[in-house]
Amino acid sequence: MRTLVFSVALLGLLCIPAVASTQVMSLERAVDQARTVNPQVRGARYRWESAKHQIIQNFTPADPQFSFSNQDSWRGFLSDSGLHNLNVSQALQFPGKGVLQGRIAERTAEIARLTYMAAVRDVTAQTKIAYYQIQLDLALNELINENVANLERVLKVTQIAYTTNLATQGDYINAKFALEAARELARQQVVTIANDKTALNILLDRRPDEPLEVDRTFDLASFEATLDQVIERATSTRQEILQAALTEKNQDTAVTLAQLEYAPDYTVGFGFDHWLIASFAPKPSHTQDWNFQIGFNLPIFFWAKNEDIKRAHQNFDAASEDLESIRIQTAGQVTALYRQVLRSRETALLYRNTLIPLAHQAFEVMLVTYQGGKTDFTTLISTFRQQSDARSAYLQAVNQLLAQKVAIEQAAGGTLQ
């Protein structure tokens, strides 16, 4: 009996239709997920980890060389040898070279870290742009749907006016044409929204068709920081500037290393000889002896090394100019974007708070006036388009505002709070 009751209850639960609900993904959650799972970010992080493992190799000298010799085996291979010889040699650079090379490796690893941070910054910007694009698509979809509803009202009043001989058949045909064109835009917008959601899913390393919902509230807030503060932040923390500064230091160190090419590298070696046949030894009573050797290179081709030093100086000068160039360009880019952000925000607020309500009011008035036969169809449809254009201009201003905010954050090296 209990088994039967359980089976009936389970069957009842299975028969209940599942309600699929997609949780709204906030912008912060999307950014955090992209920074964690995006393949581009993960690849840059692994390259940074790889660069860190190359530092110790530059501080460590080359491995010593060990050799063993078995000589004068007169009874066969390794049989009754006459001499055993052991040698150990170590190649060493001139003191200071290894330290300088290690410092270059440390800066190279830091450049790799900054490359990773730049990848995080760029993926964050791409995620925000994709997220904002979906928000704008949804807002535009609402505008298109509202246009369809308003054109249905226009078609209805023109149909009534035509039947009462207050309007021509051309008015009715034009209204129907505008309605069908708006409906086609609505159908196309559905595909656009789906494609933009796919773009965001790719950045989040998800299936292209995975369900996704975003917060529809636009962030129209302005920056709390002043222009000078943003410029200072950008010129001091932008990853490309820091990378150029490290490259300049590496080139400065490269000049010192080029000058140290005149300083000789050397090799130290130790050897041990053991004569197994006493008559082969220097003295029959001394069958073992020790050897020491030291060698170093002679920089006799100094004119070639002079060219290396000149090349290193020129590379250093180029790195300095590159650093100054990117600083100036960053300051100019931030300044232009900051001004445009303020302008786009003013435009968006003007349309949202003033122009859109006025255009809506004008359309409602014209709709009533047309029904009374006091205005023509051209004025009515122009008023409708004025309202639609006002909302479209608002979305364009919002689009510019959000895109420029992302661009200025990229130029500044990260999010501006």
Protein backbone atom coordinates (compact mmCIF):
# COMPACT_ATOMS: atom_id res chain seq x y z
CA MET A 1 0.00 0.00 0.00
CA ARG A 2 2.81 2.45 0.89
CA THR A 3 4.58 1.63 -2.37
CA LEU A 4 1.43 2.38 -4.33
CA VAL A 5 0.91 5.72 -2.61
CA PHE A 6 4.55 6.70 -3.21
CA SER A 7 4.28 5.77 -6.89
CA VAL A 8 1.12 7.82 -7.34
CA ALA A 9 2.71 10.83 -5.61
CA LEU A 10 5.84 10.55 -7.75
CA LEU A 11 3.74 10.31 -10.91
CA GLY A 12 1.85 13.42 -9.84
CA LEU A 13 5.08 15.37 -9.36
CA LEU A 14 6.34 14.32 -12.78
CA CYS A 15 3.12 15.51 -14.36
CA ILE A 16 3.52 19.03 -12.98
CA PRO A 17 4.92 21.24 -15.78
CA ALA A 18 8.35 22.64 -15.06
CA VAL A 19 8.56 26.40 -14.95
CA ALA A 20 11.86 27.52 -16.40
CA SER A 21 13.08 30.72 -14.83
CA THR A 22 16.34 32.34 -15.80
CA GLN A 23 18.01 34.32 -13.05
CA VAL A 24 18.94 37.89 -13.93
CA MET A 25 22.73 38.23 -14.22
CA SER A 26 24.03 41.50 -12.85
CA LEU A 27 26.86 43.39 -14.54
CA GLU A 28 29.17 42.75 -11.57
CA ARG A 29 28.53 39.01 -11.72
CA ALA A 30 29.15 38.91 -15.47
CA VAL A 31 32.46 40.77 -15.08
CA ASP A 32 33.60 38.52 -12.22
CA GLN A 33 32.75 35.40 -14.19
CA ALA A 34 34.54 36.67 -17.31
CA ARG A 35 37.68 37.49 -15.30
CA THR A 36 37.68 33.96 -13.90
CA VAL A 37 36.73 31.67 -16.78
CA ASN A 38 37.54 33.58 -19.97
CA PRO A 39 40.18 31.60 -21.94
CA GLN A 40 42.05 34.76 -22.96
CA VAL A 41 42.49 35.73 -19.31
CA ARG A 42 43.51 32.23 -18.27
CA GLY A 43 46.07 32.02 -21.07
CA ALA A 44 47.65 35.35 -20.05
CA ARG A 45 47.81 34.16 -16.43
CA TYR A 46 49.62 30.95 -17.41
CA ARG A 47 52.14 32.95 -19.45
CA TRP A 48 52.78 35.12 -16.41
CA GLU A 49 53.33 32.02 -14.26
CA SER A 50 55.71 30.69 -16.90
CA ALA A 51 57.73 33.93 -16.89
CA LYS A 52 58.12 33.79 -13.10
CA HIS A 53 59.80 30.39 -13.35
CA GLN A 54 62.51 31.83 -15.61
CA ILE A 55 63.90 34.25 -13.02
CA ILE A 56 65.99 31.84 -10.95
CA GLN A 57 67.66 30.46 -14.07
CA ASN A 58 69.24 33.83 -14.79
CA PHE A 59 70.67 34.15 -11.28
CA THR A 60 72.08 30.61 -11.37
CA PRO A 61 75.43 29.90 -13.15
CA ALA A 62 75.77 27.20 -15.76
CA ASP A 63 76.10 23.60 -14.59
CA PRO A 64 79.66 22.42 -13.89
CA GLN A 65 81.27 19.94 -16.28
CA PHE A 66 82.59 16.62 -14.92
CA SER A 67 84.75 14.23 -16.91
CA PHE A 68 86.42 10.89 -16.18
CA SER A 69 89.12 9.39 -18.37
CA ASN A 70 90.30 5.79 -18.37
CA GLN A 71 93.54 5.65 -20.38
CA ASP A 72 96.06 3.07 -21.55
CA SER A 73 93.92 -0.06 -21.05
CA TRP A 74 96.44 -2.47 -22.57
CA ARG A 75 94.48 -5.71 -21.91
CA GLY A 76 91.22 -4.58 -23.51
CA PHE A 77 88.34 -2.17 -22.88
CA LEU A 78 88.64 -0.82 -19.29
CA SER A 79 91.06 -3.64 -18.41
CA ASP A 80 94.42 -3.00 -16.69
CA SER A 81 94.29 0.76 -17.25
CA GLY A 82 97.40 2.82 -16.97
CA LEU A 83 95.80 6.13 -15.94
CA HIS A 84 92.59 7.41 -14.39
CA ASN A 85 91.87 11.12 -14.77
CA LEU A 86 89.09 13.20 -13.13
CA ASN A 87 88.30 16.79 -14.16
CA VAL A 88 85.71 19.30 -12.94
CA SER A 89 85.30 22.69 -14.63
CA GLN A 90 82.93 25.58 -13.97
CA ALA A 91 82.14 28.38 -16.42
CA LEU A 92 81.55 31.71 -14.67
CA GLN A 93 80.51 35.12 -15.92
CA PHE A 94 82.28 38.28 -14.91
CA PRO A 95 80.92 39.30 -11.46
CA GLY A 96 77.73 41.34 -11.78
CA LYS A 97 76.53 40.05 -15.14
CA GLY A 98 74.31 37.38 -13.65
CA VAL A 99 72.71 39.84 -11.25
CA LEU A 100 71.86 42.22 -14.08
CA GLN A 101 70.46 39.40 -16.20
CA GLY A 102 68.37 38.25 -13.24
CA ARG A 103 66.94 41.73 -12.80
CA ILE A 104 65.97 41.81 -16.47
CA ALA A 105 64.21 38.46 -15.99
CA GLU A 106 62.36 39.85 -12.97
CA ARG A 107 61.18 42.86 -14.98
CA THR A 108 60.20 40.58 -17.86
CA ALA A 109 58.05 38.56 -15.45
CA GLU A 110 56.50 41.79 -14.19
CA ILE A 111 55.75 42.78 -17.80
CA ALA A 112 54.02 39.40 -18.20
CA ARG A 113 51.98 40.16 -15.08
CA LEU A 114 50.98 43.52 -16.51
CA THR A 115 50.03 41.78 -19.77
CA TYR A 116 47.78 39.52 -17.72
CA MET A 117 46.25 42.54 -15.97
CA ALA A 118 45.73 44.20 -19.36
CA ALA A 119 43.94 41.05 -20.56
CA VAL A 120 41.71 41.18 -17.49
CA ARG A 121 41.02 44.86 -18.20
CA ASP A 122 40.24 44.28 -21.87
CA VAL A 123 37.99 41.28 -21.21
CA THR A 124 36.22 43.32 -18.55
CA ALA A 125 35.64 46.07 -21.12
CA GLN A 126 34.40 43.57 -23.70
CA THR A 127 32.03 42.05 -21.16
CA LYS A 128 30.64 45.45 -20.20
CA ILE A 129 30.18 46.43 -23.83
CA ALA A 130 28.38 43.15 -24.57
CA TYR A 131 26.23 43.56 -21.45
CA TYR A 132 25.33 47.16 -22.30
CA GLN A 133 24.56 46.13 -25.88
CA ILE A 134 21.97 43.64 -24.65
CA GLN A 135 20.46 46.33 -22.43
CA LEU A 136 20.23 48.66 -25.42
CA ASP A 137 18.80 45.90 -27.60
CA LEU A 138 16.07 45.25 -25.07
CA ALA A 139 15.31 48.96 -24.77
CA LEU A 140 15.20 49.28 -28.55
CA ASN A 141 12.90 46.25 -28.66
CA GLU A 142 10.56 48.01 -26.26
CA LEU A 143 10.68 51.09 -28.49
CA ILE A 144 9.86 49.02 -31.59
CA ASN A 145 6.98 47.29 -29.80
CA GLU A 146 5.65 50.64 -28.62
CA ASN A 147 5.93 51.94 -32.19
CA VAL A 148 3.92 48.95 -33.37
CA ALA A 149 1.24 49.67 -30.78
CA ASN A 150 1.12 53.35 -31.69
CA LEU A 151 0.96 52.57 -35.41
CA GLU A 152 -1.92 50.20 -34.73
CA ARG A 153 -3.70 53.15 -33.12
CA VAL A 154 -2.82 55.31 -36.14
CA LEU A 155 -4.13 52.63 -38.49
CA LYS A 156 -7.34 52.37 -36.49
CA VAL A 157 -8.05 56.11 -36.54
CA THR A 158 -7.21 56.37 -40.25
CA GLN A 159 -9.54 53.46 -40.97
CA ILE A 160 -12.35 55.17 -39.05
CA ALA A 161 -11.64 58.49 -40.75
CA TYR A 162 -11.58 56.79 -44.16
CA THR A 163 -14.94 55.10 -43.60
CA THR A 164 -16.44 58.46 -42.59
CA ASN A 165 -14.87 60.25 -45.57
CA LEU A 166 -12.62 62.32 -43.30
CA ALA A 167 -9.43 60.82 -44.78
CA THR A 168 -8.26 59.46 -48.10
CA GLN A 169 -7.52 55.83 -48.88
CA GLY A 170 -3.86 56.82 -49.23
CA ASP A 171 -3.74 57.70 -45.52
CA TYR A 172 -5.01 54.22 -44.64
CA ILE A 173 -2.50 52.51 -47.00
CA ASN A 174 0.44 54.55 -45.68
CA ALA A 175 -0.51 53.77 -42.08
CA LYS A 176 -0.74 50.06 -42.88
CA PHE A 177 2.64 50.16 -44.66
CA ALA A 178 4.29 51.85 -41.66
CA LEU A 179 2.75 49.25 -39.32
CA GLU A 180 4.03 46.28 -41.32
CA ALA A 181 7.51 47.81 -41.58
CA ALA A 182 7.60 48.25 -37.79
CA ARG A 183 6.51 44.65 -37.28
CA GLU A 184 9.35 43.50 -39.53
CA LEU A 185 11.79 45.50 -37.40
CA ALA A 186 10.41 43.78 -34.33
CA ARG A 187 11.02 40.34 -35.87
CA GLN A 188 14.58 41.28 -36.81
CA GLN A 189 15.24 42.68 -33.34
CA VAL A 190 14.50 39.29 -31.80
CA VAL A 191 17.39 37.80 -33.81
CA THR A 192 19.67 40.71 -32.88
CA ILE A 193 19.00 40.19 -29.16
CA ALA A 194 19.72 36.47 -29.46
CA ASN A 195 23.01 37.11 -31.29
CA ASP A 196 24.18 39.67 -28.74
CA LYS A 197 23.37 37.28 -25.90
CA THR A 198 25.47 34.68 -27.70
CA ALA A 199 28.37 37.16 -27.83
CA LEU A 200 28.20 37.63 -24.05
CA ASN A 201 27.93 33.89 -23.47
CA ILE A 202 31.14 33.37 -25.46
CA LEU A 203 32.97 35.88 -23.26
CA LEU A 204 31.67 34.02 -20.20
CA ASP A 205 32.81 30.67 -21.66
CA ARG A 206 29.24 29.35 -21.81
CA ARG A 207 27.21 27.62 -24.47
CA PRO A 208 26.22 30.03 -27.26
CA ASP A 209 22.52 29.32 -26.76
CA GLU A 210 22.51 29.25 -22.95
CA PRO A 211 19.63 31.34 -21.52
CA LEU A 212 20.70 34.75 -20.28
CA GLU A 213 18.86 37.67 -18.73
CA VAL A 214 20.39 41.03 -17.84
CA ASP A 215 19.41 43.93 -15.64
CA ARG A 216 17.59 46.48 -17.80
CA THR A 217 18.47 49.54 -15.71
CA PHE A 218 20.91 51.90 -17.41
CA ASP A 219 23.81 53.29 -15.41
CA LEU A 220 23.74 56.99 -16.25
CA ALA A 221 25.84 58.09 -13.29
CA SER A 222 28.77 60.37 -13.98
CA PHE A 223 32.34 60.05 -12.68
CA GLU A 224 33.02 61.31 -9.19
CA ALA A 225 36.67 61.91 -10.06
CA THR A 226 37.79 65.10 -11.78
CA LEU A 227 39.58 65.14 -15.12
CA ASP A 228 42.96 65.77 -13.47
CA GLN A 229 42.41 62.82 -11.13
CA VAL A 230 41.51 60.53 -14.02
CA ILE A 231 44.58 61.63 -16.01
CA GLU A 232 46.83 61.08 -12.99
CA ARG A 233 45.30 57.65 -12.44
CA ALA A 234 45.73 56.72 -16.10
CA THR A 235 49.34 57.88 -16.44
CA SER A 236 50.37 56.12 -13.24
CA THR A 237 48.48 52.81 -13.45
CA ARG A 238 47.76 52.02 -17.11
CA GLN A 239 49.39 48.69 -17.86
CA GLU A 240 50.95 49.77 -21.15
CA ILE A 241 52.67 52.71 -19.45
CA LEU A 242 54.05 50.51 -16.68
CA GLN A 243 55.23 48.00 -19.26
CA ALA A 244 56.98 50.74 -21.23
CA ALA A 245 58.67 51.96 -18.02
CA LEU A 246 59.94 48.45 -17.27
CA THR A 247 61.12 48.07 -20.85
CA GLU A 248 63.04 51.33 -20.47
CA LYS A 249 64.74 49.97 -17.32
CA ASN A 250 65.59 46.75 -19.12
CA GLN A 251 67.16 48.69 -21.95
CA ASP A 252 69.16 50.73 -19.43
CA THR A 253 70.42 47.48 -17.91
CA ALA A 254 71.17 46.20 -21.41
CA VAL A 255 73.52 49.18 -21.89
CA THR A 256 75.46 48.13 -18.78
CA LEU A 257 75.60 44.52 -19.98
CA ALA A 258 76.88 45.68 -23.37
CA GLN A 259 79.64 47.62 -21.65
CA LEU A 260 80.48 44.55 -19.58
CA GLU A 261 81.24 42.65 -22.77
CA TYR A 262 84.76 44.08 -22.37
CA ALA A 263 84.99 42.29 -19.02
CA PRO A 264 86.14 38.70 -19.60
CA ASP A 265 84.14 35.64 -18.64
CA TYR A 266 86.27 32.80 -17.28
CA THR A 267 86.40 29.10 -16.58
CA VAL A 268 87.88 27.41 -13.50
CA GLY A 269 88.84 23.73 -13.55
CA PHE A 270 90.29 21.12 -11.20
CA GLY A 271 91.79 17.75 -12.15
CA PHE A 272 93.07 14.58 -10.51
CA ASP A 273 95.41 12.02 -12.09
CA HIS A 274 95.99 8.51 -10.78
CA TRP A 275 98.62 6.38 -12.48
CA LEU A 276 97.87 2.71 -11.89
CA ILE A 277 101.25 1.75 -13.35
CA ALA A 278 103.94 3.35 -11.21
CA SER A 279 106.45 3.59 -14.03
CA PHE A 280 104.05 5.85 -15.93
CA ALA A 281 103.92 8.36 -13.06
CA PRO A 282 106.18 11.41 -12.84
CA LYS A 283 107.90 9.59 -9.99
CA PRO A 284 107.46 5.95 -8.99
CA SER A 285 106.78 7.09 -5.42
CA HIS A 286 104.14 9.69 -6.48
CA THR A 287 101.40 8.06 -8.55
CA GLN A 288 98.79 10.76 -7.85
CA ASP A 289 98.74 14.46 -8.62
CA TRP A 290 96.33 17.43 -8.77
CA ASN A 291 95.74 19.97 -11.52
CA PHE A 292 94.27 23.46 -11.63
CA GLN A 293 93.40 25.55 -14.66
CA ILE A 294 91.79 28.90 -15.34
CA GLY A 295 90.82 30.41 -18.67
CA PHE A 296 89.14 33.57 -19.86
CA ASN A 297 88.14 35.15 -23.13
CA LEU A 298 90.10 38.03 -24.59
CA PRO A 299 87.95 40.91 -26.02
CA ILE A 300 90.28 41.54 -28.95
CA PHE A 301 87.40 42.28 -31.36
CA PHE A 302 86.55 45.43 -29.46
CA TRP A 303 85.18 47.28 -32.50
CA ALA A 304 82.29 44.80 -32.72
CA LYS A 305 81.53 45.33 -29.03
CA ASN A 306 81.49 49.09 -29.63
CA GLU A 307 78.61 48.50 -32.05
CA ASP A 308 76.75 46.52 -29.37
CA ILE A 309 77.08 49.42 -26.95
CA LYS A 310 75.82 51.93 -29.53
CA ARG A 311 72.87 49.65 -30.36
CA ALA A 312 72.03 49.31 -26.66
CA HIS A 313 72.08 53.12 -26.22
CA GLN A 314 69.79 53.58 -29.21
CA ASN A 315 67.37 50.93 -27.90
CA PHE A 316 67.32 52.74 -24.56
CA ASP A 317 66.58 56.07 -26.24
CA ALA A 318 63.78 54.44 -28.29
CA ALA A 319 62.27 52.92 -25.13
CA SER A 320 62.34 56.33 -23.42
CA GLU A 321 60.58 57.97 -26.36
CA ASP A 322 57.99 55.16 -26.45
CA LEU A 323 57.27 55.72 -22.77
CA GLU A 324 56.83 59.47 -23.24
CA SER A 325 54.66 58.91 -26.32
CA ILE A 326 52.23 56.57 -24.61
CA ARG A 327 51.97 58.90 -21.61
CA ILE A 328 51.04 61.85 -23.83
CA GLN A 329 48.62 59.79 -25.91
CA THR A 330 46.94 58.41 -22.79
CA ALA A 331 46.47 61.88 -21.32
CA GLY A 332 44.97 63.16 -24.58
CA GLN A 333 42.70 60.13 -24.98
CA VAL A 334 41.40 60.40 -21.42
CA THR A 335 40.78 64.13 -21.80
CA ALA A 336 38.74 63.72 -25.00
CA LEU A 337 36.75 60.78 -23.61
CA TYR A 338 36.05 62.57 -20.33
CA ARG A 339 34.57 65.57 -22.15
CA GLN A 340 32.46 63.33 -24.39
CA VAL A 341 31.16 61.34 -21.41
CA LEU A 342 29.85 64.53 -19.82
CA ARG A 343 28.29 65.66 -23.12
CA SER A 344 26.62 62.30 -23.79
CA ARG A 345 25.21 62.20 -20.27
CA GLU A 346 23.73 65.67 -20.64
CA THR A 347 22.16 64.67 -23.95
CA ALA A 348 20.71 61.45 -22.53
CA LEU A 349 19.20 63.23 -19.53
CA LEU A 350 17.77 65.96 -21.77
CA TYR A 351 15.97 63.46 -23.97
CA ARG A 352 14.82 61.31 -21.04
CA ASN A 353 13.54 64.13 -18.84
CA THR A 354 12.32 66.70 -21.39
CA LEU A 355 12.22 65.85 -25.07
CA ILE A 356 10.68 62.37 -24.89
CA PRO A 357 7.75 63.49 -22.64
CA LEU A 358 7.12 66.47 -24.94
CA ALA A 359 7.19 64.28 -28.06
CA HIS A 360 4.80 61.80 -26.43
CA GLN A 361 2.43 64.58 -25.45
CA ALA A 362 2.53 66.00 -28.99
CA PHE A 363 1.69 62.60 -30.49
CA GLU A 364 -1.27 62.07 -28.19
CA VAL A 365 -2.59 65.54 -29.03
CA MET A 366 -2.16 65.02 -32.76
CA LEU A 367 -3.90 61.64 -32.58
CA VAL A 368 -6.98 63.26 -31.05
CA THR A 369 -6.79 66.20 -33.46
CA TYR A 370 -6.63 63.87 -36.47
CA GLN A 371 -9.68 62.00 -35.25
CA GLY A 372 -11.54 65.30 -35.27
CA GLY A 373 -10.40 66.08 -38.80
CA LYS A 374 -8.45 69.16 -37.73
CA THR A 375 -5.07 68.00 -39.06
CA ASP A 376 -3.77 65.88 -41.93
CA PHE A 377 -2.11 62.47 -41.96
CA THR A 378 1.32 63.89 -42.80
CA THR A 379 1.38 65.93 -39.60
CA LEU A 380 0.19 62.94 -37.56
CA ILE A 381 2.83 60.55 -38.90
CA SER A 382 5.51 63.24 -38.54
CA THR A 383 4.58 63.65 -34.89
CA PHE A 384 4.75 59.88 -34.41
CA ARG A 385 8.20 59.80 -36.00
CA GLN A 386 9.26 62.70 -33.81
CA GLN A 387 8.41 60.66 -30.74
CA SER A 388 10.15 57.57 -32.10
CA ASP A 389 13.22 59.58 -33.12
CA ALA A 390 13.39 61.19 -29.68
CA ARG A 391 13.51 57.80 -27.95
CA SER A 392 15.97 56.52 -30.54
CA ALA A 393 18.23 59.55 -29.98
CA TYR A 394 18.04 58.90 -26.24
CA LEU A 395 19.22 55.32 -26.74
CA GLN A 396 22.03 56.52 -29.00
CA ALA A 397 23.17 58.99 -26.35
CA VAL A 398 23.06 56.24 -23.73
CA ASN A 399 25.01 53.96 -26.05
CA GLN A 400 27.70 56.61 -26.52
CA LEU A 401 27.81 57.33 -22.79
CA LEU A 402 28.28 53.69 -21.80
CA ALA A 403 30.79 52.97 -24.57
CA GLN A 404 32.88 56.03 -23.68
CA LYS A 405 32.81 55.17 -19.98
CA VAL A 406 34.21 51.74 -20.81
CA ALA A 407 36.82 53.30 -23.11
CA ILE A 408 38.00 55.76 -20.47
CA GLU A 409 38.27 52.94 -17.92
CA GLN A 410 40.41 51.01 -20.40
CA ALA A 411 42.63 54.05 -20.91
CA ALA A 412 42.90 54.50 -17.15
CA GLY A 413 43.94 50.88 -16.62
CA GLY A 414 40.85 49.76 -14.71
CA THR A 415 37.48 50.60 -13.26
CA LEU A 416 37.04 54.16 -12.00
CA GLN A 417 35.22 54.29 -8.68
